[in-house]
Amino acid sequence: MTIAVIGATGTLGRSLMTHPNTVACPVRFEQATEYAGWFDHHPDVDTVWHVARACRKSGVRRDFQTFRLEQNAMNRLLDTRASQCRFVYASTKVVYGITDDEFTPLPAHHVAHYFSDDEIGTVNCPGWKTNQDVDTHALGEQHLVYAMTKLACERLVRQKCSDHKILRIWDIL
């Protein structure tokens, strides 16, 4: 098994890169047309761990522009051989309408363990969280954009990848 980590430079991505047989996919959302070539040059990749997200470091972190950027990149990625791989996508608790009011910090290495099984479907991380209903009505603008971005990408993953796992992650230390 060879695992491509998309988002390998973030906190969770760095933790995932400590697992055996991982390779960082350096293609950024702005370079989404390069996904096909990258996967062509890495034919041994049979698993994708996608933990990247689009946001700015300052000012308005998320808006329609970041939504479109991430959505376009996911579309392009899943139009490559990546859609035929085991695909694990990092989503968020925010799709349940939960923000900083409920803080459940998990070490990145603990969250990383959720990526390596063969479970299919949508899973909460941590697994003892029982939330299932998407509820975005009370979210502020930036949290709403973030939730909508993740839900749109989740839908693409479900549509285009038969072997997928969507992890709705609470908080990473």
C-alpha atoms as a PDB file:
ATOM      1  CA  MET A   1       0.000   0.000   0.000  1.00  0.00           C
ATOM      2  CA  THR A   2       1.279   3.456  -0.939  1.00  0.00           C
ATOM      3  CA  ILE A   3      -0.559   6.419   0.543  1.00  0.00           C
ATOM      4  CA  ALA A   4      -0.675   9.930  -0.944  1.00  0.00           C
ATOM      5  CA  VAL A   5      -1.183  12.587   1.720  1.00  0.00           C
ATOM      6  CA  ILE A   6      -2.797  15.758   0.406  1.00  0.00           C
ATOM      7  CA  GLY A   7      -2.220  18.468   2.978  1.00  0.00           C
ATOM      8  CA  ALA A   8       0.990  16.921   4.307  1.00  0.00           C
ATOM      9  CA  THR A   9       2.370  20.182   5.717  1.00  0.00           C
ATOM     10  CA  GLY A  10      -0.421  20.859   8.238  1.00  0.00           C
ATOM     11  CA  THR A  11      -0.604  19.539  11.786  1.00  0.00           C
ATOM     12  CA  LEU A  12      -2.583  16.416  10.899  1.00  0.00           C
ATOM     13  CA  GLY A  13      -0.731  15.933   7.613  1.00  0.00           C
ATOM     14  CA  ARG A  14       2.647  15.902   9.346  1.00  0.00           C
ATOM     15  CA  SER A  15       1.360  13.275  11.766  1.00  0.00           C
ATOM     16  CA  LEU A  16       0.017  11.165   8.882  1.00  0.00           C
ATOM     17  CA  MET A  17       3.376  11.371   7.126  1.00  0.00           C
ATOM     18  CA  THR A  18       4.972   9.409   9.985  1.00  0.00           C
ATOM     19  CA  HIS A  19       3.034   6.320   8.869  1.00  0.00           C
ATOM     20  CA  PRO A  20       4.872   3.850   6.645  1.00  0.00           C
ATOM     21  CA  ASN A  21       4.477   4.041   2.873  1.00  0.00           C
ATOM     22  CA  THR A  22       3.273   7.646   2.748  1.00  0.00           C
ATOM     23  CA  VAL A  23       4.241  10.159   0.106  1.00  0.00           C
ATOM     24  CA  ALA A  24       3.330  13.839   0.171  1.00  0.00           C
ATOM     25  CA  CYS A  25       1.331  15.074  -2.794  1.00  0.00           C
ATOM     26  CA  PRO A  26       2.635  18.659  -3.137  1.00  0.00           C
ATOM     27  CA  VAL A  27      -0.106  19.837  -5.502  1.00  0.00           C
ATOM     28  CA  ARG A  28      -1.953  22.800  -4.013  1.00  0.00           C
ATOM     29  CA  PHE A  29      -5.583  23.718  -4.730  1.00  0.00           C
ATOM     30  CA  GLU A  30      -4.437  26.569  -6.982  1.00  0.00           C
ATOM     31  CA  GLN A  31      -2.527  24.013  -9.087  1.00  0.00           C
ATOM     32  CA  ALA A  32      -5.376  21.486  -9.351  1.00  0.00           C
ATOM     33  CA  THR A  33      -4.716  20.853 -13.044  1.00  0.00           C
ATOM     34  CA  GLU A  34      -1.481  19.141 -11.934  1.00  0.00           C
ATOM     35  CA  TYR A  35      -3.196  16.349  -9.972  1.00  0.00           C
ATOM     36  CA  ALA A  36      -3.535  14.112 -13.041  1.00  0.00           C
ATOM     37  CA  GLY A  37       0.169  14.341 -13.863  1.00  0.00           C
ATOM     38  CA  TRP A  38       1.179  13.756 -10.257  1.00  0.00           C
ATOM     39  CA  PHE A  39      -0.919  10.579 -10.030  1.00  0.00           C
ATOM     40  CA  ASP A  40       0.389   9.420 -13.426  1.00  0.00           C
ATOM     41  CA  HIS A  41       3.922   9.739 -12.029  1.00  0.00           C
ATOM     42  CA  HIS A  42       2.964   7.822  -8.874  1.00  0.00           C
ATOM     43  CA  PRO A  43       1.216   4.688 -10.202  1.00  0.00           C
ATOM     44  CA  ASP A  44       1.911   2.797  -6.953  1.00  0.00           C
ATOM     45  CA  VAL A  45      -0.430   5.076  -4.955  1.00  0.00           C
ATOM     46  CA  ASP A  46      -3.543   3.112  -4.009  1.00  0.00           C
ATOM     47  CA  THR A  47      -4.737   5.209  -1.046  1.00  0.00           C
ATOM     48  CA  VAL A  48      -5.360   8.934  -0.637  1.00  0.00           C
ATOM     49  CA  TRP A  49      -5.555  10.699   2.716  1.00  0.00           C
ATOM     50  CA  HIS A  50      -6.979  14.167   2.022  1.00  0.00           C
ATOM     51  CA  VAL A  51      -6.516  16.607   4.918  1.00  0.00           C
ATOM     52  CA  ALA A  52      -5.994  19.892   3.035  1.00  0.00           C
ATOM     53  CA  ARG A  53      -8.361  22.834   3.290  1.00  0.00           C
ATOM     54  CA  ALA A  54      -8.587  26.275   1.745  1.00  0.00           C
ATOM     55  CA  CYS A  55      -8.436  29.242   4.084  1.00  0.00           C
ATOM     56  CA  ARG A  56      -6.469  32.413   4.489  1.00  0.00           C
ATOM     57  CA  LYS A  57      -4.118  32.991   7.405  1.00  0.00           C
ATOM     58  CA  SER A  58      -5.420  36.523   8.039  1.00  0.00           C
ATOM     59  CA  GLY A  59      -8.450  38.663   7.315  1.00  0.00           C
ATOM     60  CA  VAL A  60     -11.550  36.831   6.097  1.00  0.00           C
ATOM     61  CA  ARG A  61     -10.412  33.217   6.329  1.00  0.00           C
ATOM     62  CA  ARG A  62     -13.242  31.656   4.332  1.00  0.00           C
ATOM     63  CA  ASP A  63     -15.577  33.039   1.712  1.00  0.00           C
ATOM     64  CA  PHE A  64     -17.119  32.120  -1.636  1.00  0.00           C
ATOM     65  CA  GLN A  65     -13.669  32.316  -3.246  1.00  0.00           C
ATOM     66  CA  THR A  66     -12.171  29.713  -0.905  1.00  0.00           C
ATOM     67  CA  PHE A  67     -15.283  27.549  -1.363  1.00  0.00           C
ATOM     68  CA  ARG A  68     -14.881  27.609  -5.162  1.00  0.00           C
ATOM     69  CA  LEU A  69     -11.138  26.992  -4.934  1.00  0.00           C
ATOM     70  CA  GLU A  70     -11.538  23.881  -2.779  1.00  0.00           C
ATOM     71  CA  GLN A  71     -14.577  22.601  -4.713  1.00  0.00           C
ATOM     72  CA  ASN A  72     -12.797  22.991  -8.062  1.00  0.00           C
ATOM     73  CA  ALA A  73      -9.683  21.264  -6.752  1.00  0.00           C
ATOM     74  CA  MET A  74     -11.694  18.330  -5.378  1.00  0.00           C
ATOM     75  CA  ASN A  75     -13.503  17.959  -8.703  1.00  0.00           C
ATOM     76  CA  ARG A  76     -10.209  17.905 -10.582  1.00  0.00           C
ATOM     77  CA  LEU A  77      -8.615  15.510  -8.104  1.00  0.00           C
ATOM     78  CA  LEU A  78     -11.516  13.064  -8.336  1.00  0.00           C
ATOM     79  CA  ASP A  79     -11.383  13.175 -12.130  1.00  0.00           C
ATOM     80  CA  THR A  80      -7.969  11.491 -11.848  1.00  0.00           C
ATOM     81  CA  ARG A  81      -6.947   7.995 -10.789  1.00  0.00           C
ATOM     82  CA  ALA A  82      -7.336   9.192  -7.181  1.00  0.00           C
ATOM     83  CA  SER A  83     -11.041   8.315  -7.384  1.00  0.00           C
ATOM     84  CA  GLN A  84     -10.106   4.661  -7.892  1.00  0.00           C
ATOM     85  CA  CYS A  85      -8.001   4.621  -4.719  1.00  0.00           C
ATOM     86  CA  ARG A  86      -9.068   4.109  -1.128  1.00  0.00           C
ATOM     87  CA  PHE A  87      -9.998   7.720  -0.326  1.00  0.00           C
ATOM     88  CA  VAL A  88     -10.131   9.103   3.231  1.00  0.00           C
ATOM     89  CA  TYR A  89     -11.395  12.672   3.471  1.00  0.00           C
ATOM     90  CA  ALA A  90     -11.037  14.893   6.549  1.00  0.00           C
ATOM     91  CA  SER A  91     -14.243  16.815   7.193  1.00  0.00           C
ATOM     92  CA  THR A  92     -15.345  18.666  10.320  1.00  0.00           C
ATOM     93  CA  LYS A  93     -17.728  18.784  13.283  1.00  0.00           C
ATOM     94  CA  VAL A  94     -18.826  22.199  11.996  1.00  0.00           C
ATOM     95  CA  VAL A  95     -21.254  20.446   9.598  1.00  0.00           C
ATOM     96  CA  TYR A  96     -23.259  19.583  12.727  1.00  0.00           C
ATOM     97  CA  GLY A  97     -23.408  23.267  13.650  1.00  0.00           C
ATOM     98  CA  ILE A  98     -20.748  22.787  16.322  1.00  0.00           C
ATOM     99  CA  THR A  99     -18.020  25.398  16.631  1.00  0.00           C
ATOM    100  CA  ASP A 100     -15.738  26.411  19.471  1.00  0.00           C
ATOM    101  CA  ASP A 101     -18.578  26.096  21.984  1.00  0.00           C
ATOM    102  CA  GLU A 102     -17.850  22.373  22.182  1.00  0.00           C
ATOM    103  CA  PHE A 103     -14.120  21.733  22.320  1.00  0.00           C
ATOM    104  CA  THR A 104     -12.879  18.144  22.296  1.00  0.00           C
ATOM    105  CA  PRO A 105      -9.127  18.301  21.706  1.00  0.00           C
ATOM    106  CA  LEU A 106      -7.442  15.231  20.275  1.00  0.00           C
ATOM    107  CA  PRO A 107      -3.720  14.803  19.610  1.00  0.00           C
ATOM    108  CA  ALA A 108      -2.940  14.626  15.888  1.00  0.00           C
ATOM    109  CA  HIS A 109      -1.383  11.168  16.270  1.00  0.00           C
ATOM    110  CA  HIS A 110      -4.665   9.916  17.799  1.00  0.00           C
ATOM    111  CA  VAL A 111      -6.719  11.312  14.895  1.00  0.00           C
ATOM    112  CA  ALA A 112      -4.221   9.779  12.444  1.00  0.00           C
ATOM    113  CA  HIS A 113      -5.197   6.288  13.612  1.00  0.00           C
ATOM    114  CA  TYR A 114      -8.705   6.816  12.197  1.00  0.00           C
ATOM    115  CA  PHE A 115      -7.242   6.979   8.682  1.00  0.00           C
ATOM    116  CA  SER A 116      -5.754   3.503   8.520  1.00  0.00           C
ATOM    117  CA  ASP A 117      -8.730   1.147   8.764  1.00  0.00           C
ATOM    118  CA  ASP A 118     -10.923  -0.081   5.909  1.00  0.00           C
ATOM    119  CA  GLU A 119     -14.260   1.277   7.168  1.00  0.00           C
ATOM    120  CA  ILE A 120     -16.501   2.827   4.501  1.00  0.00           C
ATOM    121  CA  GLY A 121     -18.879   5.729   5.078  1.00  0.00           C
ATOM    122  CA  THR A 122     -19.052   8.743   7.358  1.00  0.00           C
ATOM    123  CA  VAL A 123     -17.473   8.467  10.790  1.00  0.00           C
ATOM    124  CA  ASN A 124     -17.112  10.844  13.708  1.00  0.00           C
ATOM    125  CA  CYS A 125     -13.665  11.372  15.170  1.00  0.00           C
ATOM    126  CA  PRO A 126     -13.662  10.707  18.056  1.00  0.00           C
ATOM    127  CA  GLY A 127     -15.905   7.716  17.511  1.00  0.00           C
ATOM    128  CA  TRP A 128     -17.778   8.180  20.768  1.00  0.00           C
ATOM    129  CA  LYS A 129     -19.424  11.358  19.432  1.00  0.00           C
ATOM    130  CA  THR A 130     -22.938  10.391  18.353  1.00  0.00           C
ATOM    131  CA  ASN A 131     -23.861  13.397  16.212  1.00  0.00           C
ATOM    132  CA  GLN A 132     -25.427  12.495  12.865  1.00  0.00           C
ATOM    133  CA  ASP A 133     -27.689  15.381  11.842  1.00  0.00           C
ATOM    134  CA  VAL A 134     -26.267  18.153   9.688  1.00  0.00           C
ATOM    135  CA  ASP A 135     -27.443  21.486  11.111  1.00  0.00           C
ATOM    136  CA  THR A 136     -25.882  24.714   9.860  1.00  0.00           C
ATOM    137  CA  HIS A 137     -28.694  27.191  10.616  1.00  0.00           C
ATOM    138  CA  ALA A 138     -26.999  28.917  13.578  1.00  0.00           C
ATOM    139  CA  LEU A 139     -23.502  29.191  12.089  1.00  0.00           C
ATOM    140  CA  GLY A 140     -21.852  32.535  11.429  1.00  0.00           C
ATOM    141  CA  GLU A 141     -20.803  33.402   7.882  1.00  0.00           C
ATOM    142  CA  GLN A 142     -17.274  31.964   7.884  1.00  0.00           C
ATOM    143  CA  HIS A 143     -18.262  28.786   9.740  1.00  0.00           C
ATOM    144  CA  LEU A 144     -21.167  28.379   7.311  1.00  0.00           C
ATOM    145  CA  VAL A 145     -18.829  28.678   4.325  1.00  0.00           C
ATOM    146  CA  TYR A 146     -16.510  26.126   5.932  1.00  0.00           C
ATOM    147  CA  ALA A 147     -19.373  23.688   6.594  1.00  0.00           C
ATOM    148  CA  MET A 148     -20.784  24.114   3.082  1.00  0.00           C
ATOM    149  CA  THR A 149     -17.325  23.571   1.586  1.00  0.00           C
ATOM    150  CA  LYS A 150     -16.846  20.352   3.521  1.00  0.00           C
ATOM    151  CA  LEU A 151     -20.368  19.083   2.748  1.00  0.00           C
ATOM    152  CA  ALA A 152     -19.915  19.783  -0.980  1.00  0.00           C
ATOM    153  CA  CYS A 153     -16.594  17.933  -1.007  1.00  0.00           C
ATOM    154  CA  GLU A 154     -18.077  15.054   1.010  1.00  0.00           C
ATOM    155  CA  ARG A 155     -20.757  14.723  -1.655  1.00  0.00           C
ATOM    156  CA  LEU A 156     -18.161  14.569  -4.430  1.00  0.00           C
ATOM    157  CA  VAL A 157     -16.226  11.894  -2.537  1.00  0.00           C
ATOM    158  CA  ARG A 158     -19.379   9.809  -2.076  1.00  0.00           C
ATOM    159  CA  GLN A 159     -20.330  10.181  -5.753  1.00  0.00           C
ATOM    160  CA  LYS A 160     -16.927   9.453  -7.265  1.00  0.00           C
ATOM    161  CA  CYS A 161     -15.188   7.059  -4.846  1.00  0.00           C
ATOM    162  CA  SER A 162     -16.666   3.682  -4.056  1.00  0.00           C
ATOM    163  CA  ASP A 163     -14.000   2.965  -1.403  1.00  0.00           C
ATOM    164  CA  HIS A 164     -14.166   6.049   0.799  1.00  0.00           C
ATOM    165  CA  LYS A 165     -14.227   7.139   4.400  1.00  0.00           C
ATOM    166  CA  ILE A 166     -15.283  10.602   5.508  1.00  0.00           C
ATOM    167  CA  LEU A 167     -13.982  11.608   8.921  1.00  0.00           C
ATOM    168  CA  ARG A 168     -15.890  14.375  10.665  1.00  0.00           C
ATOM    169  CA  ILE A 169     -13.149  15.504  13.022  1.00  0.00           C
ATOM    170  CA  TRP A 170     -13.677  17.451  16.229  1.00  0.00           C
ATOM    171  CA  ASP A 171     -10.547  19.330  17.353  1.00  0.00           C
ATOM    172  CA  ILE A 172      -6.866  18.607  16.770  1.00  0.00           C
ATOM    173  CA  LEU A 173      -4.164  19.685  19.215  1.00  0.00           C
END
